[in-house]
Amino acid sequence: MKASSKTLILTAVVSAFALGATVTVAQNTLLKKGLKITLLPKNINNPYNVIQTGGGLVAAKEIGAIAKVVGPSDAGASSQVSYINTAIAQKQDALILAANDANALLPYLKRAMQAGIKVVTMDSDTAPEGRTLFINQANSEGIGRAQVQLVAKLVNFEGEIAVLSATPNATNQNTWISFMQDELKKPAYAKMKLVKIAYGNDDDQKSFTEMQGLLQAYPNLKGVISPTTVGISAGARYLSSSPYKGKVALTGLGTPNQMRAFVKDGTVMAFQLWDPANVGYLATYAAAALASGQITGKQGETFTAGKLGKYTIGKSGEIILGPPTTFDKANIDKFNF
């Protein structure tokens, strides 16, 4: 999906009543109907974000909410501000966003909360005072360490590696990378060295160019971790037609559909991810539970998220979806997202 400008808005309004659907899930009877929910991804043309917000729209349909997806075409720190202000002006009941910056959005999110909007972050968090709940894909430490463990196996625990990240200010990326760096301090990785952290800004062409640059700048590079779906697919595209194919191990976080061809042709041996649709789905149920007064965001409170079942709110309002999955040639055709 391509975006023509920063102001491009993709709006999808889903109402269970308008579609003639009936909400039959018993545990959702206490949720208010007709809630107005805005889903704000990092950027609107990122395939991962499309899947993620799509899961939110499915949940909205199930609970009879009116949901829309809006967002910028770039992942800049301040690009989401105008959409937050619009949500305030439109008196939305809930705002669900994947934050491009941990702190830049705080004044605007606080204003939204003061206006009575329930703010839930998903995938990439703000500082806790900017929201009530944070839907985390998986435990951040687990993700970061698992990425190093996977690339280590692929390079036989020896050689230079690099990271191809998204934006320098992306909260989730930086948290994962910090745990990657800590994991690399363990004796098992004594023969491995992290030589570079590059940033593709979640832009396909820049990520492609950064991957090319890494391989040219570090001729002894053995592996690259790209914990962003844009980065890993762009990196795989470059690697697939380069002399480095089969010599440099690329792994990271990607969707099975975007990586399937690269796995089958041997460009990528293995990578990881959770189901991004379930992140948006869980975030929407959490936001609806907040807006309906079922929960307040306190640690220990529980709520039911449709097909995903019951969840418990953790420390600082964090809710963890579940552990990531490793995809390879043996199992990738079992998944379609």
C-alpha atoms as a PDB file:
ATOM      1  CA  MET A   1       0.000   0.000   0.000  1.00  0.00           C
ATOM      2  CA  LYS A   2       1.492   3.355  -0.989  1.00  0.00           C
ATOM      3  CA  ALA A   3       0.905   6.705   0.660  1.00  0.00           C
ATOM      4  CA  SER A   4       0.914   9.858  -1.445  1.00  0.00           C
ATOM      5  CA  SER A   5       1.662  12.341   1.363  1.00  0.00           C
ATOM      6  CA  LYS A   6       2.069  12.806   5.079  1.00  0.00           C
ATOM      7  CA  THR A   7      -1.552  13.733   5.341  1.00  0.00           C
ATOM      8  CA  LEU A   8      -2.849  10.624   3.705  1.00  0.00           C
ATOM      9  CA  ILE A   9      -5.636   9.174   5.797  1.00  0.00           C
ATOM     10  CA  LEU A  10      -6.855   5.620   5.478  1.00  0.00           C
ATOM     11  CA  THR A  11     -10.213   5.468   7.149  1.00  0.00           C
ATOM     12  CA  ALA A  12     -12.098   2.276   7.755  1.00  0.00           C
ATOM     13  CA  VAL A  13     -15.332   2.598   9.674  1.00  0.00           C
ATOM     14  CA  VAL A  14     -16.663  -0.621  11.067  1.00  0.00           C
ATOM     15  CA  SER A  15     -19.959  -0.873  12.899  1.00  0.00           C
ATOM     16  CA  ALA A  16     -21.474  -4.162  13.857  1.00  0.00           C
ATOM     17  CA  PHE A  17     -24.909  -2.611  13.747  1.00  0.00           C
ATOM     18  CA  ALA A  18     -24.446  -1.072  10.318  1.00  0.00           C
ATOM     19  CA  LEU A  19     -23.288  -4.428   8.997  1.00  0.00           C
ATOM     20  CA  GLY A  20     -26.178  -6.214  10.600  1.00  0.00           C
ATOM     21  CA  ALA A  21     -23.840  -8.286  12.759  1.00  0.00           C
ATOM     22  CA  THR A  22     -24.786  -9.596  16.161  1.00  0.00           C
ATOM     23  CA  VAL A  23     -22.433  -9.673  19.128  1.00  0.00           C
ATOM     24  CA  THR A  24     -22.917 -13.061  20.720  1.00  0.00           C
ATOM     25  CA  VAL A  25     -19.864 -13.397  22.928  1.00  0.00           C
ATOM     26  CA  ALA A  26     -21.273 -13.573  26.457  1.00  0.00           C
ATOM     27  CA  GLN A  27     -18.249 -12.129  28.207  1.00  0.00           C
ATOM     28  CA  ASN A  28     -18.557  -8.907  26.190  1.00  0.00           C
ATOM     29  CA  THR A  29     -22.081  -8.011  27.325  1.00  0.00           C
ATOM     30  CA  LEU A  30     -20.728  -5.311  29.640  1.00  0.00           C
ATOM     31  CA  LEU A  31     -18.852  -3.517  26.871  1.00  0.00           C
ATOM     32  CA  LYS A  32     -20.496  -0.328  25.652  1.00  0.00           C
ATOM     33  CA  LYS A  33     -21.796  -0.431  22.090  1.00  0.00           C
ATOM     34  CA  GLY A  34     -20.994   2.243  19.542  1.00  0.00           C
ATOM     35  CA  LEU A  35     -17.657   3.239  21.074  1.00  0.00           C
ATOM     36  CA  LYS A  36     -15.631   5.552  18.828  1.00  0.00           C
ATOM     37  CA  ILE A  37     -12.084   4.268  18.499  1.00  0.00           C
ATOM     38  CA  THR A  38      -9.136   5.688  16.544  1.00  0.00           C
ATOM     39  CA  LEU A  39      -6.246   3.393  15.593  1.00  0.00           C
ATOM     40  CA  LEU A  40      -3.035   5.327  14.873  1.00  0.00           C
ATOM     41  CA  PRO A  41      -0.105   3.240  13.546  1.00  0.00           C
ATOM     42  CA  LYS A  42       3.484   4.470  13.175  1.00  0.00           C
ATOM     43  CA  ASN A  43       2.894   5.018   9.495  1.00  0.00           C
ATOM     44  CA  ILE A  44       0.002   4.067   7.280  1.00  0.00           C
ATOM     45  CA  ASN A  45       1.860   2.315   4.439  1.00  0.00           C
ATOM     46  CA  ASN A  46       3.856  -0.142   6.534  1.00  0.00           C
ATOM     47  CA  PRO A  47       2.616  -3.715   5.783  1.00  0.00           C
ATOM     48  CA  TYR A  48       3.083  -4.726   9.415  1.00  0.00           C
ATOM     49  CA  ASN A  49       0.965  -1.795  10.583  1.00  0.00           C
ATOM     50  CA  VAL A  50      -1.771  -2.621   8.061  1.00  0.00           C
ATOM     51  CA  ILE A  51      -2.029  -6.149   9.497  1.00  0.00           C
ATOM     52  CA  GLN A  52      -1.915  -4.841  13.055  1.00  0.00           C
ATOM     53  CA  THR A  53      -4.667  -2.249  12.655  1.00  0.00           C
ATOM     54  CA  GLY A  54      -6.660  -4.757  10.619  1.00  0.00           C
ATOM     55  CA  GLY A  55      -6.827  -6.925  13.729  1.00  0.00           C
ATOM     56  CA  GLY A  56      -8.139  -3.913  15.606  1.00  0.00           C
ATOM     57  CA  LEU A  57     -10.903  -3.438  13.064  1.00  0.00           C
ATOM     58  CA  VAL A  58     -11.919  -7.084  13.414  1.00  0.00           C
ATOM     59  CA  ALA A  59     -12.214  -6.634  17.176  1.00  0.00           C
ATOM     60  CA  ALA A  60     -14.182  -3.416  16.700  1.00  0.00           C
ATOM     61  CA  LYS A  61     -16.669  -5.240  14.513  1.00  0.00           C
ATOM     62  CA  GLU A  62     -17.097  -7.957  17.141  1.00  0.00           C
ATOM     63  CA  ILE A  63     -17.932  -5.490  19.917  1.00  0.00           C
ATOM     64  CA  GLY A  64     -20.037  -3.094  17.876  1.00  0.00           C
ATOM     65  CA  ALA A  65     -17.537  -0.219  17.946  1.00  0.00           C
ATOM     66  CA  ILE A  66     -16.990   2.415  15.283  1.00  0.00           C
ATOM     67  CA  ALA A  67     -13.285   2.268  14.488  1.00  0.00           C
ATOM     68  CA  LYS A  68     -11.093   4.085  12.010  1.00  0.00           C
ATOM     69  CA  VAL A  69      -7.433   3.851  11.026  1.00  0.00           C
ATOM     70  CA  VAL A  70      -5.577   7.112  10.411  1.00  0.00           C
ATOM     71  CA  GLY A  71      -1.901   7.971  10.214  1.00  0.00           C
ATOM     72  CA  PRO A  72       1.042   9.638   8.501  1.00  0.00           C
ATOM     73  CA  SER A  73       3.021   8.293   5.570  1.00  0.00           C
ATOM     74  CA  ASP A  74       6.312   8.608   7.457  1.00  0.00           C
ATOM     75  CA  ALA A  75       7.430   7.484  10.900  1.00  0.00           C
ATOM     76  CA  GLY A  76       8.781  10.821  12.119  1.00  0.00           C
ATOM     77  CA  ALA A  77       8.684  11.659  15.832  1.00  0.00           C
ATOM     78  CA  SER A  78       6.058  14.377  15.432  1.00  0.00           C
ATOM     79  CA  SER A  79       4.132  12.974  12.459  1.00  0.00           C
ATOM     80  CA  GLN A  80       1.369  11.550  14.654  1.00  0.00           C
ATOM     81  CA  VAL A  81       0.588  14.800  16.476  1.00  0.00           C
ATOM     82  CA  SER A  82      -2.089  16.101  14.099  1.00  0.00           C
ATOM     83  CA  TYR A  83      -3.962  12.791  14.295  1.00  0.00           C
ATOM     84  CA  ILE A  84      -3.990  12.884  18.082  1.00  0.00           C
ATOM     85  CA  ASN A  85      -5.371  16.422  17.969  1.00  0.00           C
ATOM     86  CA  THR A  86      -8.057  15.306  15.520  1.00  0.00           C
ATOM     87  CA  ALA A  87      -9.080  12.458  17.841  1.00  0.00           C
ATOM     88  CA  ILE A  88      -9.501  15.016  20.622  1.00  0.00           C
ATOM     89  CA  ALA A  89     -11.569  17.322  18.409  1.00  0.00           C
ATOM     90  CA  GLN A  90     -13.762  14.406  17.326  1.00  0.00           C
ATOM     91  CA  LYS A  91     -14.276  13.323  20.958  1.00  0.00           C
ATOM     92  CA  GLN A  92     -13.192   9.761  20.384  1.00  0.00           C
ATOM     93  CA  ASP A  93     -13.743   7.322  23.244  1.00  0.00           C
ATOM     94  CA  ALA A  94     -10.379   5.651  22.781  1.00  0.00           C
ATOM     95  CA  LEU A  95      -7.096   6.227  20.962  1.00  0.00           C
ATOM     96  CA  ILE A  96      -4.830   3.261  20.199  1.00  0.00           C
ATOM     97  CA  LEU A  97      -1.393   4.084  18.831  1.00  0.00           C
ATOM     98  CA  ALA A  98       2.034   2.644  18.103  1.00  0.00           C
ATOM     99  CA  ALA A  99       4.201   5.550  19.204  1.00  0.00           C
ATOM    100  CA  ASN A 100       6.959   6.869  16.945  1.00  0.00           C
ATOM    101  CA  ASP A 101       8.669   8.545  19.910  1.00  0.00           C
ATOM    102  CA  ALA A 102       8.568   7.877  23.646  1.00  0.00           C
ATOM    103  CA  ASN A 103       8.426  11.525  24.726  1.00  0.00           C
ATOM    104  CA  ALA A 104       7.571  13.812  21.791  1.00  0.00           C
ATOM    105  CA  LEU A 105       3.882  12.854  21.894  1.00  0.00           C
ATOM    106  CA  LEU A 106       3.404  13.193  25.653  1.00  0.00           C
ATOM    107  CA  PRO A 107       1.873  16.720  25.764  1.00  0.00           C
ATOM    108  CA  TYR A 108      -0.715  15.776  23.165  1.00  0.00           C
ATOM    109  CA  LEU A 109      -1.543  12.392  24.692  1.00  0.00           C
ATOM    110  CA  LYS A 110      -1.944  13.987  28.112  1.00  0.00           C
ATOM    111  CA  ARG A 111      -4.337  16.480  26.541  1.00  0.00           C
ATOM    112  CA  ALA A 112      -6.287  13.569  25.030  1.00  0.00           C
ATOM    113  CA  MET A 113      -6.504  11.844  28.408  1.00  0.00           C
ATOM    114  CA  GLN A 114      -7.639  15.070  30.072  1.00  0.00           C
ATOM    115  CA  ALA A 115     -10.397  15.209  27.461  1.00  0.00           C
ATOM    116  CA  GLY A 116     -11.631  11.808  28.605  1.00  0.00           C
ATOM    117  CA  ILE A 117     -10.090   9.719  25.821  1.00  0.00           C
ATOM    118  CA  LYS A 118      -8.708   6.344  26.907  1.00  0.00           C
ATOM    119  CA  VAL A 119      -5.192   6.044  25.485  1.00  0.00           C
ATOM    120  CA  VAL A 120      -3.688   2.629  24.787  1.00  0.00           C
ATOM    121  CA  THR A 121      -0.306   2.098  23.158  1.00  0.00           C
ATOM    122  CA  MET A 122       0.532  -1.034  21.202  1.00  0.00           C
ATOM    123  CA  ASP A 123       3.775  -2.385  19.814  1.00  0.00           C
ATOM    124  CA  SER A 124       5.795   0.766  20.652  1.00  0.00           C
ATOM    125  CA  ASP A 125       5.205   2.534  23.954  1.00  0.00           C
ATOM    126  CA  THR A 126       5.359   6.086  25.217  1.00  0.00           C
ATOM    127  CA  ALA A 127       6.444   7.083  28.692  1.00  0.00           C
ATOM    128  CA  PRO A 128       3.792   5.602  31.049  1.00  0.00           C
ATOM    129  CA  GLU A 129       2.247   8.994  31.835  1.00  0.00           C
ATOM    130  CA  GLY A 130       1.158   9.267  28.186  1.00  0.00           C
ATOM    131  CA  ARG A 131      -1.223   6.303  28.260  1.00  0.00           C
ATOM    132  CA  THR A 132      -3.134   3.950  30.536  1.00  0.00           C
ATOM    133  CA  LEU A 133      -2.223   0.593  28.979  1.00  0.00           C
ATOM    134  CA  PHE A 134       0.579  -0.726  26.786  1.00  0.00           C
ATOM    135  CA  ILE A 135      -0.008  -3.828  24.663  1.00  0.00           C
ATOM    136  CA  ASN A 136       3.388  -5.441  24.246  1.00  0.00           C
ATOM    137  CA  GLN A 137       3.844  -8.081  21.547  1.00  0.00           C
ATOM    138  CA  ALA A 138       6.003 -10.160  23.838  1.00  0.00           C
ATOM    139  CA  ASN A 139       8.362  -9.573  26.713  1.00  0.00           C
ATOM    140  CA  SER A 140      10.889  -7.016  25.450  1.00  0.00           C
ATOM    141  CA  GLU A 141      13.815  -8.754  27.088  1.00  0.00           C
ATOM    142  CA  GLY A 142      12.751 -12.060  25.597  1.00  0.00           C
ATOM    143  CA  ILE A 143      12.545 -10.578  22.110  1.00  0.00           C
ATOM    144  CA  GLY A 144      15.954  -8.921  22.265  1.00  0.00           C
ATOM    145  CA  ARG A 145      17.750 -11.941  23.677  1.00  0.00           C
ATOM    146  CA  ALA A 146      15.974 -14.354  21.323  1.00  0.00           C
ATOM    147  CA  GLN A 147      17.157 -12.362  18.312  1.00  0.00           C
ATOM    148  CA  VAL A 148      20.796 -12.712  19.393  1.00  0.00           C
ATOM    149  CA  GLN A 149      20.333 -16.378  20.220  1.00  0.00           C
ATOM    150  CA  LEU A 150      18.897 -17.006  16.763  1.00  0.00           C
ATOM    151  CA  VAL A 151      21.567 -15.124  14.801  1.00  0.00           C
ATOM    152  CA  ALA A 152      24.258 -16.803  16.921  1.00  0.00           C
ATOM    153  CA  LYS A 153      23.045 -20.221  15.821  1.00  0.00           C
ATOM    154  CA  LEU A 154      22.974 -19.069  12.208  1.00  0.00           C
ATOM    155  CA  VAL A 155      26.603 -17.839  12.321  1.00  0.00           C
ATOM    156  CA  ASN A 156      27.860 -20.654  14.550  1.00  0.00           C
ATOM    157  CA  PHE A 157      28.554 -18.234  17.410  1.00  0.00           C
ATOM    158  CA  GLU A 158      31.408 -16.537  15.587  1.00  0.00           C
ATOM    159  CA  GLY A 159      31.997 -13.368  13.558  1.00  0.00           C
ATOM    160  CA  GLU A 160      30.851  -9.788  13.108  1.00  0.00           C
ATOM    161  CA  ILE A 161      27.156  -8.918  13.208  1.00  0.00           C
ATOM    162  CA  ALA A 162      25.145  -5.741  12.685  1.00  0.00           C
ATOM    163  CA  VAL A 163      21.667  -4.464  13.460  1.00  0.00           C
ATOM    164  CA  LEU A 164      19.421  -2.816  10.865  1.00  0.00           C
ATOM    165  CA  SER A 165      16.836  -0.983  12.968  1.00  0.00           C
ATOM    166  CA  ALA A 166      13.898   1.316  12.215  1.00  0.00           C
ATOM    167  CA  THR A 167      14.085   4.899  13.499  1.00  0.00           C
ATOM    168  CA  PRO A 168      16.662   6.023  16.083  1.00  0.00           C
ATOM    169  CA  ASN A 169      13.889   7.044  18.495  1.00  0.00           C
ATOM    170  CA  ALA A 170      11.648   3.959  18.197  1.00  0.00           C
ATOM    171  CA  THR A 171      10.984   2.858  21.774  1.00  0.00           C
ATOM    172  CA  ASN A 172      10.507  -0.826  21.039  1.00  0.00           C
ATOM    173  CA  GLN A 173      13.544  -1.075  18.748  1.00  0.00           C
ATOM    174  CA  ASN A 174      15.846   0.621  21.252  1.00  0.00           C
ATOM    175  CA  THR A 175      14.604  -1.541  24.115  1.00  0.00           C
ATOM    176  CA  TRP A 176      15.186  -4.728  22.134  1.00  0.00           C
ATOM    177  CA  ILE A 177      18.632  -3.557  21.021  1.00  0.00           C
ATOM    178  CA  SER A 178      19.651  -2.813  24.607  1.00  0.00           C
ATOM    179  CA  PHE A 179      18.828  -6.400  25.542  1.00  0.00           C
ATOM    180  CA  MET A 180      20.660  -7.655  22.444  1.00  0.00           C
ATOM    181  CA  GLN A 181      23.765  -5.791  23.582  1.00  0.00           C
ATOM    182  CA  ASP A 182      23.443  -7.231  27.084  1.00  0.00           C
ATOM    183  CA  GLU A 183      22.969 -10.761  25.744  1.00  0.00           C
ATOM    184  CA  LEU A 184      26.142 -10.396  23.665  1.00  0.00           C
ATOM    185  CA  LYS A 185      28.155  -9.847  26.868  1.00  0.00           C
ATOM    186  CA  LYS A 186      27.662 -13.485  27.834  1.00  0.00           C
ATOM    187  CA  PRO A 187      30.647 -15.857  27.415  1.00  0.00           C
ATOM    188  CA  ALA A 188      28.804 -17.886  24.779  1.00  0.00           C
ATOM    189  CA  TYR A 189      29.146 -14.960  22.364  1.00  0.00           C
ATOM    190  CA  ALA A 190      32.805 -14.182  23.041  1.00  0.00           C
ATOM    191  CA  LYS A 191      33.699 -14.747  19.386  1.00  0.00           C
ATOM    192  CA  MET A 192      30.908 -12.484  18.112  1.00  0.00           C
ATOM    193  CA  LYS A 193      31.101  -8.693  17.769  1.00  0.00           C
ATOM    194  CA  LEU A 194      28.377  -6.104  17.106  1.00  0.00           C
ATOM    195  CA  VAL A 195      30.053  -3.694  14.691  1.00  0.00           C
ATOM    196  CA  LYS A 196      27.205  -1.385  13.673  1.00  0.00           C
ATOM    197  CA  ILE A 197      23.625  -0.310  14.394  1.00  0.00           C
ATOM    198  CA  ALA A 198      22.153   1.159  11.211  1.00  0.00           C
ATOM    199  CA  TYR A 199      18.786   2.869  10.786  1.00  0.00           C
ATOM    200  CA  GLY A 200      16.486   2.414   7.812  1.00  0.00           C
ATOM    201  CA  ASN A 201      13.770   4.664   9.317  1.00  0.00           C
ATOM    202  CA  ASP A 202      11.126   2.034   8.508  1.00  0.00           C
ATOM    203  CA  ASP A 203      11.441   3.134   4.887  1.00  0.00           C
ATOM    204  CA  ASP A 204      11.841   0.420   2.271  1.00  0.00           C
ATOM    205  CA  GLN A 205      14.360   2.154   0.028  1.00  0.00           C
ATOM    206  CA  LYS A 206      16.481   3.534   2.856  1.00  0.00           C
ATOM    207  CA  SER A 207      16.528   0.129   4.543  1.00  0.00           C
ATOM    208  CA  PHE A 208      17.601  -1.430   1.239  1.00  0.00           C
ATOM    209  CA  THR A 209      20.410   1.123   0.924  1.00  0.00           C
ATOM    210  CA  GLU A 210      21.493   0.688   4.543  1.00  0.00           C
ATOM    211  CA  MET A 211      21.726  -3.085   4.067  1.00  0.00           C
ATOM    212  CA  GLN A 212      23.867  -2.546   1.000  1.00  0.00           C
ATOM    213  CA  GLY A 213      26.043  -0.140   2.958  1.00  0.00           C
ATOM    214  CA  LEU A 214      26.539  -2.567   5.828  1.00  0.00           C
ATOM    215  CA  LEU A 215      27.739  -5.326   3.545  1.00  0.00           C
ATOM    216  CA  GLN A 216      30.111  -3.013   1.713  1.00  0.00           C
ATOM    217  CA  ALA A 217      31.497  -1.375   4.852  1.00  0.00           C
ATOM    218  CA  TYR A 218      32.040  -4.640   6.716  1.00  0.00           C
ATOM    219  CA  PRO A 219      33.345  -7.279   4.286  1.00  0.00           C
ATOM    220  CA  ASN A 220      33.709  -9.814   7.120  1.00  0.00           C
ATOM    221  CA  LEU A 221      30.102  -9.416   8.279  1.00  0.00           C
ATOM    222  CA  LYS A 222      28.508 -12.753   9.135  1.00  0.00           C
ATOM    223  CA  GLY A 223      25.026 -11.805  10.276  1.00  0.00           C
ATOM    224  CA  VAL A 224      22.445  -9.004  10.396  1.00  0.00           C
ATOM    225  CA  ILE A 225      19.508  -8.653  12.788  1.00  0.00           C
ATOM    226  CA  SER A 226      16.685  -6.458  11.507  1.00  0.00           C
ATOM    227  CA  PRO A 227      13.950  -6.252  14.179  1.00  0.00           C
ATOM    228  CA  THR A 228      11.550  -4.410  11.868  1.00  0.00           C
ATOM    229  CA  THR A 229       9.354  -5.894   9.145  1.00  0.00           C
ATOM    230  CA  VAL A 230      10.280  -3.149   6.674  1.00  0.00           C
ATOM    231  CA  GLY A 231      13.985  -3.572   7.348  1.00  0.00           C
ATOM    232  CA  ILE A 232      14.158  -7.346   7.135  1.00  0.00           C
ATOM    233  CA  SER A 233      12.214  -7.540   3.876  1.00  0.00           C
ATOM    234  CA  ALA A 234      14.241  -4.737   2.249  1.00  0.00           C
ATOM    235  CA  GLY A 235      17.453  -6.305   3.505  1.00  0.00           C
ATOM    236  CA  ALA A 236      16.427  -9.700   2.149  1.00  0.00           C
ATOM    237  CA  ARG A 237      15.607  -8.171  -1.213  1.00  0.00           C
ATOM    238  CA  TYR A 238      19.107  -6.753  -1.500  1.00  0.00           C
ATOM    239  CA  LEU A 239      20.762  -9.869  -0.143  1.00  0.00           C
ATOM    240  CA  SER A 240      18.837 -12.185  -2.480  1.00  0.00           C
ATOM    241  CA  SER A 241      20.512 -10.791  -5.611  1.00  0.00           C
ATOM    242  CA  SER A 242      23.915 -10.017  -4.112  1.00  0.00           C
ATOM    243  CA  PRO A 243      27.136 -12.033  -3.857  1.00  0.00           C
ATOM    244  CA  TYR A 244      26.516 -12.230  -0.114  1.00  0.00           C
ATOM    245  CA  LYS A 245      23.519 -14.552  -0.445  1.00  0.00           C
ATOM    246  CA  GLY A 246      24.234 -17.724   1.506  1.00  0.00           C
ATOM    247  CA  LYS A 247      27.268 -16.112   3.133  1.00  0.00           C
ATOM    248  CA  VAL A 248      25.624 -13.551   5.399  1.00  0.00           C
ATOM    249  CA  ALA A 249      22.805 -14.644   7.721  1.00  0.00           C
ATOM    250  CA  LEU A 250      19.873 -12.240   7.873  1.00  0.00           C
ATOM    251  CA  THR A 251      17.264 -12.615  10.579  1.00  0.00           C
ATOM    252  CA  GLY A 252      14.945 -10.383  12.588  1.00  0.00           C
ATOM    253  CA  LEU A 253      11.231  -9.738  12.812  1.00  0.00           C
ATOM    254  CA  GLY A 254       9.052 -10.169   9.713  1.00  0.00           C
ATOM    255  CA  THR A 255       5.738 -11.543   8.553  1.00  0.00           C
ATOM    256  CA  PRO A 256       5.568 -14.989   6.930  1.00  0.00           C
ATOM    257  CA  ASN A 257       3.890 -13.656   3.783  1.00  0.00           C
ATOM    258  CA  GLN A 258       6.542 -11.035   3.082  1.00  0.00           C
ATOM    259  CA  MET A 259       9.429 -13.386   3.890  1.00  0.00           C
ATOM    260  CA  ARG A 260       8.166 -16.641   2.389  1.00  0.00           C
ATOM    261  CA  ALA A 261       9.966 -16.313  -0.965  1.00  0.00           C
ATOM    262  CA  PHE A 262      13.242 -15.352   0.720  1.00  0.00           C
ATOM    263  CA  VAL A 263      13.050 -18.368   3.045  1.00  0.00           C
ATOM    264  CA  LYS A 264      12.287 -20.747   0.217  1.00  0.00           C
ATOM    265  CA  ASP A 265      15.132 -19.478  -1.994  1.00  0.00           C
ATOM    266  CA  GLY A 266      17.653 -19.696   0.842  1.00  0.00           C
ATOM    267  CA  THR A 267      18.226 -15.982   1.368  1.00  0.00           C
ATOM    268  CA  VAL A 268      16.876 -16.178   4.938  1.00  0.00           C
ATOM    269  CA  MET A 269      17.111 -19.313   7.033  1.00  0.00           C
ATOM    270  CA  ALA A 270      14.946 -18.251   9.999  1.00  0.00           C
ATOM    271  CA  PHE A 271      13.241 -15.201  11.509  1.00  0.00           C
ATOM    272  CA  GLN A 272      10.724 -14.429  14.240  1.00  0.00           C
ATOM    273  CA  LEU A 273       7.471 -12.588  14.909  1.00  0.00           C
ATOM    274  CA  TRP A 274       4.172 -12.737  16.733  1.00  0.00           C
ATOM    275  CA  ASP A 275       0.853 -12.323  14.897  1.00  0.00           C
ATOM    276  CA  PRO A 276       0.566  -8.520  14.507  1.00  0.00           C
ATOM    277  CA  ALA A 277      -3.180  -8.775  13.901  1.00  0.00           C
ATOM    278  CA  ASN A 278      -3.557 -10.123  17.424  1.00  0.00           C
ATOM    279  CA  VAL A 279      -1.696  -7.101  18.824  1.00  0.00           C
ATOM    280  CA  GLY A 280      -4.296  -4.759  17.320  1.00  0.00           C
ATOM    281  CA  TYR A 281      -7.108  -7.114  18.294  1.00  0.00           C
ATOM    282  CA  LEU A 282      -5.991  -7.236  21.931  1.00  0.00           C
ATOM    283  CA  ALA A 283      -5.407  -3.471  22.041  1.00  0.00           C
ATOM    284  CA  THR A 284      -8.935  -2.783  20.827  1.00  0.00           C
ATOM    285  CA  TYR A 285     -10.534  -5.053  23.416  1.00  0.00           C
ATOM    286  CA  ALA A 286      -8.376  -3.446  26.121  1.00  0.00           C
ATOM    287  CA  ALA A 287      -9.360   0.045  24.995  1.00  0.00           C
ATOM    288  CA  ALA A 288     -13.041  -0.926  24.923  1.00  0.00           C
ATOM    289  CA  ALA A 289     -12.796  -2.411  28.408  1.00  0.00           C
ATOM    290  CA  LEU A 290     -11.278   0.870  29.636  1.00  0.00           C
ATOM    291  CA  ALA A 291     -13.869   3.022  27.888  1.00  0.00           C
ATOM    292  CA  SER A 292     -16.662   0.823  29.255  1.00  0.00           C
ATOM    293  CA  GLY A 293     -15.413   1.019  32.830  1.00  0.00           C
ATOM    294  CA  GLN A 294     -14.687  -2.703  33.084  1.00  0.00           C
ATOM    295  CA  ILE A 295     -11.083  -1.946  34.045  1.00  0.00           C
ATOM    296  CA  THR A 296      -9.147   1.115  35.152  1.00  0.00           C
ATOM    297  CA  GLY A 297      -5.643   0.028  34.173  1.00  0.00           C
ATOM    298  CA  LYS A 298      -4.466  -1.077  37.605  1.00  0.00           C
ATOM    299  CA  GLN A 299      -2.023  -3.953  37.940  1.00  0.00           C
ATOM    300  CA  GLY A 300      -3.785  -7.265  38.539  1.00  0.00           C
ATOM    301  CA  GLU A 301      -7.071  -6.356  36.844  1.00  0.00           C
ATOM    302  CA  THR A 302      -8.321  -8.853  34.270  1.00  0.00           C
ATOM    303  CA  PHE A 303     -10.483  -8.654  31.171  1.00  0.00           C
ATOM    304  CA  THR A 304     -11.446 -10.937  28.312  1.00  0.00           C
ATOM    305  CA  ALA A 305     -10.235 -10.189  24.782  1.00  0.00           C
ATOM    306  CA  GLY A 306     -12.602 -12.161  22.562  1.00  0.00           C
ATOM    307  CA  LYS A 307     -10.981 -15.198  20.945  1.00  0.00           C
ATOM    308  CA  LEU A 308      -7.672 -14.536  22.743  1.00  0.00           C
ATOM    309  CA  GLY A 309      -9.195 -15.166  26.154  1.00  0.00           C
ATOM    310  CA  LYS A 310      -8.410 -13.592  29.512  1.00  0.00           C
ATOM    311  CA  TYR A 311      -5.533 -11.196  30.142  1.00  0.00           C
ATOM    312  CA  THR A 312      -4.094  -9.681  33.294  1.00  0.00           C
ATOM    313  CA  ILE A 313      -2.710  -6.152  33.509  1.00  0.00           C
ATOM    314  CA  GLY A 314       0.906  -6.146  34.632  1.00  0.00           C
ATOM    315  CA  LYS A 315       3.256  -3.586  36.093  1.00  0.00           C
ATOM    316  CA  SER A 316       2.966  -0.037  34.714  1.00  0.00           C
ATOM    317  CA  GLY A 317      -0.116  -1.020  32.710  1.00  0.00           C
ATOM    318  CA  GLU A 318       1.713  -3.498  30.473  1.00  0.00           C
ATOM    319  CA  ILE A 319      -0.179  -6.392  28.891  1.00  0.00           C
ATOM    320  CA  ILE A 320       1.877  -9.019  27.060  1.00  0.00           C
ATOM    321  CA  LEU A 321       0.335 -10.774  24.055  1.00  0.00           C
ATOM    322  CA  GLY A 322       2.607 -13.834  24.189  1.00  0.00           C
ATOM    323  CA  PRO A 323       5.959 -15.258  23.014  1.00  0.00           C
ATOM    324  CA  PRO A 324       7.204 -14.807  19.416  1.00  0.00           C
ATOM    325  CA  THR A 325       7.318 -17.659  16.909  1.00  0.00           C
ATOM    326  CA  THR A 326      10.383 -18.718  14.894  1.00  0.00           C
ATOM    327  CA  PHE A 327       9.605 -19.252  11.211  1.00  0.00           C
ATOM    328  CA  ASP A 328      11.721 -21.330   8.828  1.00  0.00           C
ATOM    329  CA  LYS A 329      11.317 -23.459   5.731  1.00  0.00           C
ATOM    330  CA  ALA A 330       9.750 -26.281   7.745  1.00  0.00           C
ATOM    331  CA  ASN A 331       6.803 -24.300   9.113  1.00  0.00           C
ATOM    332  CA  ILE A 332       6.367 -21.061   7.173  1.00  0.00           C
ATOM    333  CA  ASP A 333       3.592 -22.399   4.932  1.00  0.00           C
ATOM    334  CA  LYS A 334       1.453 -23.046   8.012  1.00  0.00           C
ATOM    335  CA  PHE A 335       1.011 -19.282   8.470  1.00  0.00           C
ATOM    336  CA  ASN A 336      -0.797 -16.715   6.353  1.00  0.00           C
ATOM    337  CA  PHE A 337      -0.287 -13.122   7.478  1.00  0.00           C
END
